[in-house]
């Protein structure tokens, strides 16, 4: 439903991710930025794509709270209510 509303408004679905990509290394640091990228910002959820299951586990376990807090500070608490990590679908098989 949200995607349809965004589409009707003419706002690209990845607009938040594009904005976030510009400052991503500043938010997470260069090491994490080398293995993770913002995928989508929609409905208060920030989806982050990671390049391996090892980084997926590490970010969920040790970085989740820190990254979410930094995102809330940068994007605002309404745009960054939750954070989810997933394996990057753009990686070669």
PDB file of N, CA and C in Angstrom:
ATOM      1  N   UNK A   1       0.811  -1.177   0.000  1.00  0.00           N
ATOM      2  CA  UNK A   1       0.000   0.000   0.000  1.00  0.00           C
ATOM      3  C   UNK A   1       0.872   1.265   0.000  1.00  0.00           C
ATOM      4  N   UNK A   2       1.905   1.277   0.825  1.00  0.00           N
ATOM      5  CA  UNK A   2       2.797   2.433   0.901  1.00  0.00           C
ATOM      6  C   UNK A   2       3.480   2.659  -0.442  1.00  0.00           C
ATOM      7  N   UNK A   3       3.923   1.575  -1.065  1.00  0.00           N
ATOM      8  CA  UNK A   3       4.595   1.700  -2.365  1.00  0.00           C
ATOM      9  C   UNK A   3       3.666   2.328  -3.400  1.00  0.00           C
ATOM     10  N   UNK A   4       2.370   1.975  -3.356  1.00  0.00           N
ATOM     11  CA  UNK A   4       1.412   2.562  -4.301  1.00  0.00           C
ATOM     12  C   UNK A   4       1.247   4.053  -4.055  1.00  0.00           C
ATOM     13  N   UNK A   5       1.155   4.444  -2.786  1.00  0.00           N
ATOM     14  CA  UNK A   5       1.008   5.866  -2.458  1.00  0.00           C
ATOM     15  C   UNK A   5       2.247   6.632  -2.898  1.00  0.00           C
ATOM     16  N   UNK A   6       3.422   6.084  -2.604  1.00  0.00           N
ATOM     17  CA  UNK A   6       4.668   6.731  -3.017  1.00  0.00           C
ATOM     18  C   UNK A   6       4.713   6.851  -4.536  1.00  0.00           C
ATOM     19  N   UNK A   7       4.298   5.808  -5.233  1.00  0.00           N
ATOM     20  CA  UNK A   7       4.276   5.840  -6.691  1.00  0.00           C
ATOM     21  C   UNK A   7       3.346   6.916  -7.223  1.00  0.00           C
ATOM     22  N   UNK A   8       2.163   7.046  -6.611  1.00  0.00           N
ATOM     23  CA  UNK A   8       1.217   8.080  -7.036  1.00  0.00           C
ATOM     24  C   UNK A   8       1.750   9.482  -6.782  1.00  0.00           C
ATOM     25  N   UNK A   9       2.533   9.637  -5.743  1.00  0.00           N
ATOM     26  CA  UNK A   9       3.095  10.944  -5.428  1.00  0.00           C
ATOM     27  C   UNK A   9       4.299  11.281  -6.305  1.00  0.00           C
ATOM     28  N   UNK A  10       4.782  10.277  -7.027  1.00  0.00           N
ATOM     29  CA  UNK A  10       5.927  10.514  -7.906  1.00  0.00           C
ATOM     30  C   UNK A  10       7.258  10.494  -7.189  1.00  0.00           C
ATOM     31  N   UNK A  11       7.292   9.946  -5.985  1.00  0.00           N
ATOM     32  CA  UNK A  11       8.526   9.853  -5.223  1.00  0.00           C
ATOM     33  C   UNK A  11       9.151   8.495  -5.500  1.00  0.00           C
ATOM     34  N   UNK A  12      10.389   8.448  -5.974  1.00  0.00           N
ATOM     35  CA  UNK A  12      11.026   7.154  -6.214  1.00  0.00           C
ATOM     36  C   UNK A  12      11.127   6.348  -4.927  1.00  0.00           C
ATOM     37  N   UNK A  13      10.892   5.040  -5.025  1.00  0.00           N
ATOM     38  CA  UNK A  13      10.900   4.180  -3.839  1.00  0.00           C
ATOM     39  C   UNK A  13      12.234   4.221  -3.118  1.00  0.00           C
ATOM     40  N   UNK A  14      13.330   4.375  -3.836  1.00  0.00           N
ATOM     41  CA  UNK A  14      14.644   4.364  -3.209  1.00  0.00           C
ATOM     42  C   UNK A  14      15.166   5.767  -2.909  1.00  0.00           C
ATOM     43  N   UNK A  15      14.300   6.779  -2.933  1.00  0.00           N
ATOM     44  CA  UNK A  15      14.753   8.153  -2.707  1.00  0.00           C
ATOM     45  C   UNK A  15      15.498   8.280  -1.382  1.00  0.00           C
ATOM     46  N   UNK A  16      14.988   7.671  -0.336  1.00  0.00           N
ATOM     47  CA  UNK A  16      15.651   7.741   0.961  1.00  0.00           C
ATOM     48  C   UNK A  16      16.992   7.041   0.951  1.00  0.00           C
ATOM     49  N   UNK A  17      17.082   5.925   0.256  1.00  0.00           N
ATOM     50  CA  UNK A  17      18.342   5.182   0.185  1.00  0.00           C
ATOM     51  C   UNK A  17      19.388   5.960  -0.601  1.00  0.00           C
ATOM     52  N   UNK A  18      18.960   6.642  -1.660  1.00  0.00           N
ATOM     53  CA  UNK A  18      19.903   7.453  -2.433  1.00  0.00           C
ATOM     54  C   UNK A  18      20.475   8.575  -1.577  1.00  0.00           C
ATOM     55  N   UNK A  19      19.607   9.226  -0.823  1.00  0.00           N
ATOM     56  CA  UNK A  19      20.035  10.295   0.089  1.00  0.00           C
ATOM     57  C   UNK A  19      20.977   9.737   1.150  1.00  0.00           C
ATOM     58  N   UNK A  20      20.641   8.589   1.672  1.00  0.00           N
ATOM     59  CA  UNK A  20      21.429   7.961   2.721  1.00  0.00           C
ATOM     60  C   UNK A  20      22.779   7.465   2.201  1.00  0.00           C
ATOM     61  N   UNK A  21      22.827   7.016   0.964  1.00  0.00           N
ATOM     62  CA  UNK A  21      24.073   6.498   0.392  1.00  0.00           C
ATOM     63  C   UNK A  21      25.174   7.547   0.398  1.00  0.00           C
ATOM     64  N   UNK A  22      24.797   8.799   0.240  1.00  0.00           N
ATOM     65  CA  UNK A  22      25.784   9.878   0.215  1.00  0.00           C
ATOM     66  C   UNK A  22      26.524  10.027   1.543  1.00  0.00           C
ATOM     67  N   UNK A  23      25.853   9.740   2.645  1.00  0.00           N
ATOM     68  CA  UNK A  23      26.455   9.929   3.974  1.00  0.00           C
ATOM     69  C   UNK A  23      26.695   8.602   4.695  1.00  0.00           C
ATOM     70  N   UNK A  24      26.442   7.492   4.018  1.00  0.00           N
ATOM     71  CA  UNK A  24      26.552   6.174   4.636  1.00  0.00           C
ATOM     72  C   UNK A  24      27.906   5.921   5.310  1.00  0.00           C
ATOM     73  N   UNK A  25      29.049   6.162   4.646  1.00  0.00           N
ATOM     74  CA  UNK A  25      30.337   5.924   5.308  1.00  0.00           C
ATOM     75  C   UNK A  25      30.516   6.776   6.571  1.00  0.00           C
ATOM     76  N   UNK A  26      29.963   7.958   6.566  1.00  0.00           N
ATOM     77  CA  UNK A  26      30.033   8.823   7.745  1.00  0.00           C
ATOM     78  C   UNK A  26      29.222   8.235   8.904  1.00  0.00           C
ATOM     79  N   UNK A  27      28.112   7.592   8.598  1.00  0.00           N
ATOM     80  CA  UNK A  27      27.234   7.028   9.632  1.00  0.00           C
ATOM     81  C   UNK A  27      27.818   5.741  10.203  1.00  0.00           C
ATOM     82  N   UNK A  28      28.295   4.843   9.343  1.00  0.00           N
ATOM     83  CA  UNK A  28      28.720   3.517   9.811  1.00  0.00           C
ATOM     84  C   UNK A  28      30.228   3.322   9.858  1.00  0.00           C
ATOM     85  N   UNK A  29      30.980   4.232   9.255  1.00  0.00           N
ATOM     86  CA  UNK A  29      32.425   4.072   9.199  1.00  0.00           C
ATOM     87  C   UNK A  29      32.841   3.339   7.938  1.00  0.00           C
ATOM     88  N   UNK A  30      34.098   3.493   7.532  1.00  0.00           N
ATOM     89  CA  UNK A  30      34.550   2.935   6.257  1.00  0.00           C
ATOM     90  C   UNK A  30      34.585   1.407   6.201  1.00  0.00           C
ATOM     91  N   UNK A  31      34.854   0.749   7.315  1.00  0.00           N
ATOM     92  CA  UNK A  31      34.927  -0.723   7.299  1.00  0.00           C
ATOM     93  C   UNK A  31      33.551  -1.319   7.052  1.00  0.00           C
ATOM     94  N   UNK A  32      32.552  -0.863   7.807  1.00  0.00           N
ATOM     95  CA  UNK A  32      31.190  -1.374   7.616  1.00  0.00           C
ATOM     96  C   UNK A  32      30.669  -0.959   6.242  1.00  0.00           C
ATOM     97  N   UNK A  33      30.937   0.271   5.831  1.00  0.00           N
ATOM     98  CA  UNK A  33      30.461   0.763   4.533  1.00  0.00           C
ATOM     99  C   UNK A  33      31.009  -0.064   3.373  1.00  0.00           C
ATOM    100  N   UNK A  34      32.165  -0.679   3.556  1.00  0.00           N
ATOM    101  CA  UNK A  34      32.742  -1.522   2.510  1.00  0.00           C
ATOM    102  C   UNK A  34      31.962  -2.827   2.351  1.00  0.00           C
ATOM    103  N   UNK A  35      31.142  -3.189   3.340  1.00  0.00           N
ATOM    104  CA  UNK A  35      30.420  -4.464   3.315  1.00  0.00           C
ATOM    105  C   UNK A  35      28.909  -4.320   3.377  1.00  0.00           C
ATOM    106  N   UNK A  36      28.411  -3.099   3.527  1.00  0.00           N
ATOM    107  CA  UNK A  36      26.975  -2.882   3.663  1.00  0.00           C
ATOM    108  C   UNK A  36      26.591  -1.584   2.963  1.00  0.00           C
ATOM    109  N   UNK A  37      25.364  -1.567   2.429  1.00  0.00           N
ATOM    110  CA  UNK A  37      24.876  -0.360   1.766  1.00  0.00           C
ATOM    111  C   UNK A  37      23.385  -0.197   2.059  1.00  0.00           C
ATOM    112  N   UNK A  38      22.910   1.049   2.089  1.00  0.00           N
ATOM    113  CA  UNK A  38      21.477   1.243   2.290  1.00  0.00           C
ATOM    114  C   UNK A  38      20.707   0.721   1.086  1.00  0.00           C
ATOM    115  N   UNK A  39      19.655  -0.021   1.358  1.00  0.00           N
ATOM    116  CA  UNK A  39      18.867  -0.599   0.271  1.00  0.00           C
ATOM    117  C   UNK A  39      17.563   0.120   0.033  1.00  0.00           C
ATOM    118  N   UNK A  40      16.853   0.475   1.120  1.00  0.00           N
ATOM    119  CA  UNK A  40      15.554   1.126   0.973  1.00  0.00           C
ATOM    120  C   UNK A  40      15.198   1.803   2.291  1.00  0.00           C
ATOM    121  N   UNK A  41      14.552   2.948   2.195  1.00  0.00           N
ATOM    122  CA  UNK A  41      14.009   3.635   3.353  1.00  0.00           C
ATOM    123  C   UNK A  41      12.536   3.846   3.054  1.00  0.00           C
ATOM    124  N   UNK A  42      11.667   3.134   3.775  1.00  0.00           N
ATOM    125  CA  UNK A  42      10.233   3.238   3.516  1.00  0.00           C
ATOM    126  C   UNK A  42       9.446   2.846   4.754  1.00  0.00           C
ATOM    127  N   UNK A  43       8.409   3.593   5.024  1.00  0.00           N
ATOM    128  CA  UNK A  43       7.518   3.254   6.136  1.00  0.00           C
ATOM    129  C   UNK A  43       8.201   3.226   7.483  1.00  0.00           C
ATOM    130  N   UNK A  44       9.243   3.991   7.647  1.00  0.00           N
ATOM    131  CA  UNK A  44       9.959   4.020   8.918  1.00  0.00           C
ATOM    132  C   UNK A  44      10.999   2.934   9.074  1.00  0.00           C
ATOM    133  N   UNK A  45      11.149   2.091   8.058  1.00  0.00           N
ATOM    134  CA  UNK A  45      12.134   1.012   8.111  1.00  0.00           C
ATOM    135  C   UNK A  45      13.294   1.309   7.167  1.00  0.00           C
ATOM    136  N   UNK A  46      14.492   1.106   7.668  1.00  0.00           N
ATOM    137  CA  UNK A  46      15.693   1.222   6.841  1.00  0.00           C
ATOM    138  C   UNK A  46      16.186  -0.194   6.579  1.00  0.00           C
ATOM    139  N   UNK A  47      16.255  -0.549   5.318  1.00  0.00           N
ATOM    140  CA  UNK A  47      16.761  -1.854   4.911  1.00  0.00           C
ATOM    141  C   UNK A  47      18.199  -1.667   4.457  1.00  0.00           C
ATOM    142  N   UNK A  48      19.089  -2.481   4.999  1.00  0.00           N
ATOM    143  CA  UNK A  48      20.509  -2.411   4.665  1.00  0.00           C
ATOM    144  C   UNK A  48      20.918  -3.735   4.043  1.00  0.00           C
ATOM    145  N   UNK A  49      21.554  -3.656   2.882  1.00  0.00           N
ATOM    146  CA  UNK A  49      22.059  -4.842   2.200  1.00  0.00           C
ATOM    147  C   UNK A  49      23.511  -5.074   2.583  1.00  0.00           C
ATOM    148  N   UNK A  50      23.851  -6.328   2.864  1.00  0.00           N
ATOM    149  CA  UNK A  50      25.221  -6.694   3.233  1.00  0.00           C
ATOM    150  C   UNK A  50      25.766  -7.708   2.230  1.00  0.00           C
ATOM    151  N   UNK A  51      27.088  -7.806   2.171  1.00  0.00           N
ATOM    152  CA  UNK A  51      27.698  -8.637   1.130  1.00  0.00           C
ATOM    153  C   UNK A  51      27.962 -10.083   1.530  1.00  0.00           C
ATOM    154  N   UNK A  52      27.695 -10.458   2.772  1.00  0.00           N
ATOM    155  CA  UNK A  52      27.913 -11.851   3.167  1.00  0.00           C
ATOM    156  C   UNK A  52      27.126 -12.180   4.427  1.00  0.00           C
ATOM    157  N   UNK A  53      26.959 -13.460   4.659  1.00  0.00           N
ATOM    158  CA  UNK A  53      26.247 -13.894   5.864  1.00  0.00           C
ATOM    159  C   UNK A  53      27.051 -13.576   7.125  1.00  0.00           C
ATOM    160  N   UNK A  54      28.365 -13.537   6.999  1.00  0.00           N
ATOM    161  CA  UNK A  54      29.216 -13.178   8.140  1.00  0.00           C
ATOM    162  C   UNK A  54      28.920 -11.746   8.574  1.00  0.00           C
ATOM    163  N   UNK A  55      28.852 -10.826   7.603  1.00  0.00           N
ATOM    164  CA  UNK A  55      28.548  -9.431   7.926  1.00  0.00           C
ATOM    165  C   UNK A  55      27.103  -9.268   8.380  1.00  0.00           C
ATOM    166  N   UNK A  56      26.208 -10.047   7.827  1.00  0.00           N
ATOM    167  CA  UNK A  56      24.817 -10.014   8.270  1.00  0.00           C
ATOM    168  C   UNK A  56      24.739 -10.340   9.762  1.00  0.00           C
ATOM    169  N   UNK A  57      25.390 -11.408  10.162  1.00  0.00           N
ATOM    170  CA  UNK A  57      25.401 -11.813  11.565  1.00  0.00           C
ATOM    171  C   UNK A  57      26.052 -10.745  12.449  1.00  0.00           C
ATOM    172  N   UNK A  58      27.190 -10.236  12.020  1.00  0.00           N
ATOM    173  CA  UNK A  58      27.928  -9.250  12.809  1.00  0.00           C
ATOM    174  C   UNK A  58      27.134  -7.954  12.994  1.00  0.00           C
ATOM    175  N   UNK A  59      26.527  -7.484  11.928  1.00  0.00           N
ATOM    176  CA  UNK A  59      25.763  -6.238  12.024  1.00  0.00           C
ATOM    177  C   UNK A  59      24.518  -6.416  12.890  1.00  0.00           C
ATOM    178  N   UNK A  60      23.845  -7.548  12.754  1.00  0.00           N
ATOM    179  CA  UNK A  60      22.676  -7.808  13.606  1.00  0.00           C
ATOM    180  C   UNK A  60      23.076  -7.890  15.071  1.00  0.00           C
ATOM    181  N   UNK A  61      24.177  -8.577  15.335  1.00  0.00           N
ATOM    182  CA  UNK A  61      24.597  -8.852  16.705  1.00  0.00           C
ATOM    183  C   UNK A  61      25.223  -7.639  17.385  1.00  0.00           C
ATOM    184  N   UNK A  62      26.161  -7.005  16.723  1.00  0.00           N
ATOM    185  CA  UNK A  62      26.975  -6.003  17.406  1.00  0.00           C
ATOM    186  C   UNK A  62      26.713  -4.553  16.999  1.00  0.00           C
ATOM    187  N   UNK A  63      26.107  -4.328  15.838  1.00  0.00           N
ATOM    188  CA  UNK A  63      25.993  -2.962  15.329  1.00  0.00           C
ATOM    189  C   UNK A  63      24.572  -2.433  15.238  1.00  0.00           C
ATOM    190  N   UNK A  64      23.588  -3.278  15.374  1.00  0.00           N
ATOM    191  CA  UNK A  64      22.191  -2.888  15.137  1.00  0.00           C
ATOM    192  C   UNK A  64      21.803  -1.625  15.905  1.00  0.00           C
ATOM    193  N   UNK A  65      21.953  -1.625  17.203  1.00  0.00           N
ATOM    194  CA  UNK A  65      21.521  -0.484  18.039  1.00  0.00           C
ATOM    195  C   UNK A  65      22.291   0.791  17.697  1.00  0.00           C
ATOM    196  N   UNK A  66      23.585   0.665  17.484  1.00  0.00           N
ATOM    197  CA  UNK A  66      24.416   1.836  17.190  1.00  0.00           C
ATOM    198  C   UNK A  66      24.029   2.457  15.846  1.00  0.00           C
ATOM    199  N   UNK A  67      23.858   1.623  14.819  1.00  0.00           N
ATOM    200  CA  UNK A  67      23.492   2.136  13.500  1.00  0.00           C
ATOM    201  C   UNK A  67      22.097   2.749  13.538  1.00  0.00           C
ATOM    202  N   UNK A  68      21.155   2.086  14.197  1.00  0.00           N
ATOM    203  CA  UNK A  68      19.795   2.622  14.275  1.00  0.00           C
ATOM    204  C   UNK A  68      19.782   3.978  14.970  1.00  0.00           C
ATOM    205  N   UNK A  69      20.526   4.125  16.032  1.00  0.00           N
ATOM    206  CA  UNK A  69      20.585   5.405  16.731  1.00  0.00           C
ATOM    207  C   UNK A  69      21.159   6.494  15.830  1.00  0.00           C
ATOM    208  N   UNK A  70      22.203   6.172  15.097  1.00  0.00           N
ATOM    209  CA  UNK A  70      22.798   7.153  14.177  1.00  0.00           C
ATOM    210  C   UNK A  70      21.845   7.508  13.041  1.00  0.00           C
ATOM    211  N   UNK A  71      21.092   6.519  12.557  1.00  0.00           N
ATOM    212  CA  UNK A  71      20.108   6.774  11.506  1.00  0.00           C
ATOM    213  C   UNK A  71      18.982   7.675  12.022  1.00  0.00           C
ATOM    214  N   UNK A  72      18.530   7.419  13.226  1.00  0.00           N
ATOM    215  CA  UNK A  72      17.488   8.266  13.823  1.00  0.00           C
ATOM    216  C   UNK A  72      17.972   9.701  13.935  1.00  0.00           C
ATOM    217  N   UNK A  73      19.207   9.867  14.326  1.00  0.00           N
ATOM    218  CA  UNK A  73      19.783  11.209  14.444  1.00  0.00           C
ATOM    219  C   UNK A  73      19.865  11.884  13.070  1.00  0.00           C
ATOM    220  N   UNK A  74      20.258  11.116  12.070  1.00  0.00           N
ATOM    221  CA  UNK A  74      20.468  11.681  10.728  1.00  0.00           C
ATOM    222  C   UNK A  74      19.163  11.882   9.962  1.00  0.00           C
ATOM    223  N   UNK A  75      18.263  10.885   9.996  1.00  0.00           N
ATOM    224  CA  UNK A  75      17.040  10.911   9.204  1.00  0.00           C
ATOM    225  C   UNK A  75      15.822  11.409   9.970  1.00  0.00           C
ATOM    226  N   UNK A  76      15.902  11.332  11.299  1.00  0.00           N
ATOM    227  CA  UNK A  76      14.747  11.648  12.128  1.00  0.00           C
ATOM    228  C   UNK A  76      14.098  10.365  12.621  1.00  0.00           C
ATOM    229  N   UNK A  77      13.498  10.399  13.810  1.00  0.00           N
ATOM    230  CA  UNK A  77      12.949   9.170  14.405  1.00  0.00           C
ATOM    231  C   UNK A  77      11.775   8.568  13.633  1.00  0.00           C
ATOM    232  N   UNK A  78      11.050   9.359  12.876  1.00  0.00           N
ATOM    233  CA  UNK A  78       9.927   8.810  12.110  1.00  0.00           C
ATOM    234  C   UNK A  78      10.379   8.070  10.861  1.00  0.00           C
ATOM    235  N   UNK A  79      11.462   8.501  10.263  1.00  0.00           N
ATOM    236  CA  UNK A  79      11.960   7.846   9.049  1.00  0.00           C
ATOM    237  C   UNK A  79      12.832   6.643   9.367  1.00  0.00           C
ATOM    238  N   UNK A  80      13.318   6.545  10.607  1.00  0.00           N
ATOM    239  CA  UNK A  80      14.197   5.438  10.991  1.00  0.00           C
ATOM    240  C   UNK A  80      13.707   4.821  12.298  1.00  0.00           C
ATOM    241  N   UNK A  81      12.515   4.237  12.243  1.00  0.00           N
ATOM    242  CA  UNK A  81      11.969   3.581  13.440  1.00  0.00           C
ATOM    243  C   UNK A  81      12.544   2.181  13.632  1.00  0.00           C
ATOM    244  N   UNK A  82      12.897   1.538  12.519  1.00  0.00           N
ATOM    245  CA  UNK A  82      13.446   0.185  12.619  1.00  0.00           C
ATOM    246  C   UNK A  82      14.520  -0.008  11.559  1.00  0.00           C
ATOM    247  N   UNK A  83      15.314  -1.039  11.780  1.00  0.00           N
ATOM    248  CA  UNK A  83      16.450  -1.343  10.913  1.00  0.00           C
ATOM    249  C   UNK A  83      16.453  -2.838  10.636  1.00  0.00           C
ATOM    250  N   UNK A  84      16.616  -3.179   9.361  1.00  0.00           N
ATOM    251  CA  UNK A  84      16.666  -4.582   8.972  1.00  0.00           C
ATOM    252  C   UNK A  84      17.841  -4.795   8.039  1.00  0.00           C
ATOM    253  N   UNK A  85      18.506  -5.932   8.197  1.00  0.00           N
ATOM    254  CA  UNK A  85      19.648  -6.304   7.351  1.00  0.00           C
ATOM    255  C   UNK A  85      19.257  -7.502   6.485  1.00  0.00           C
ATOM    256  N   UNK A  86      19.765  -7.521   5.248  1.00  0.00           N
ATOM    257  CA  UNK A  86      19.515  -8.643   4.337  1.00  0.00           C
ATOM    258  C   UNK A  86      20.722  -8.785   3.416  1.00  0.00           C
ATOM    259  N   UNK A  87      20.889  -9.990   2.894  1.00  0.00           N
ATOM    260  CA  UNK A  87      21.957 -10.234   1.907  1.00  0.00           C
ATOM    261  C   UNK A  87      21.626  -9.432   0.651  1.00  0.00           C
ATOM    262  N   UNK A  88      22.617  -8.792   0.084  1.00  0.00           N
ATOM    263  CA  UNK A  88      22.451  -7.934  -1.079  1.00  0.00           C
ATOM    264  C   UNK A  88      21.989  -8.741  -2.283  1.00  0.00           C
ATOM    265  N   UNK A  89      20.804  -8.432  -2.821  1.00  0.00           N
ATOM    266  CA  UNK A  89      20.315  -9.188  -3.990  1.00  0.00           C
ATOM    267  C   UNK A  89      21.067  -8.820  -5.274  1.00  0.00           C
ATOM    268  N   UNK A  90      21.859  -7.764  -5.245  1.00  0.00           N
ATOM    269  CA  UNK A  90      22.611  -7.342  -6.423  1.00  0.00           C
ATOM    270  C   UNK A  90      23.952  -8.029  -6.573  1.00  0.00           C
ATOM    271  N   UNK A  91      24.300  -8.907  -5.650  1.00  0.00           N
ATOM    272  CA  UNK A  91      25.595  -9.607  -5.728  1.00  0.00           C
ATOM    273  C   UNK A  91      25.542 -10.719  -6.764  1.00  0.00           C
ATOM    274  N   UNK A  92      26.650 -10.978  -7.442  1.00  0.00           N
ATOM    275  CA  UNK A  92      26.675 -12.092  -8.401  1.00  0.00           C
ATOM    276  C   UNK A  92      26.475 -13.417  -7.676  1.00  0.00           C
ATOM    277  N   UNK A  93      25.807 -14.327  -8.357  1.00  0.00           N
ATOM    278  CA  UNK A  93      25.506 -15.641  -7.753  1.00  0.00           C
ATOM    279  C   UNK A  93      26.732 -16.506  -7.639  1.00  0.00           C
TER     280      UNK A  93
END
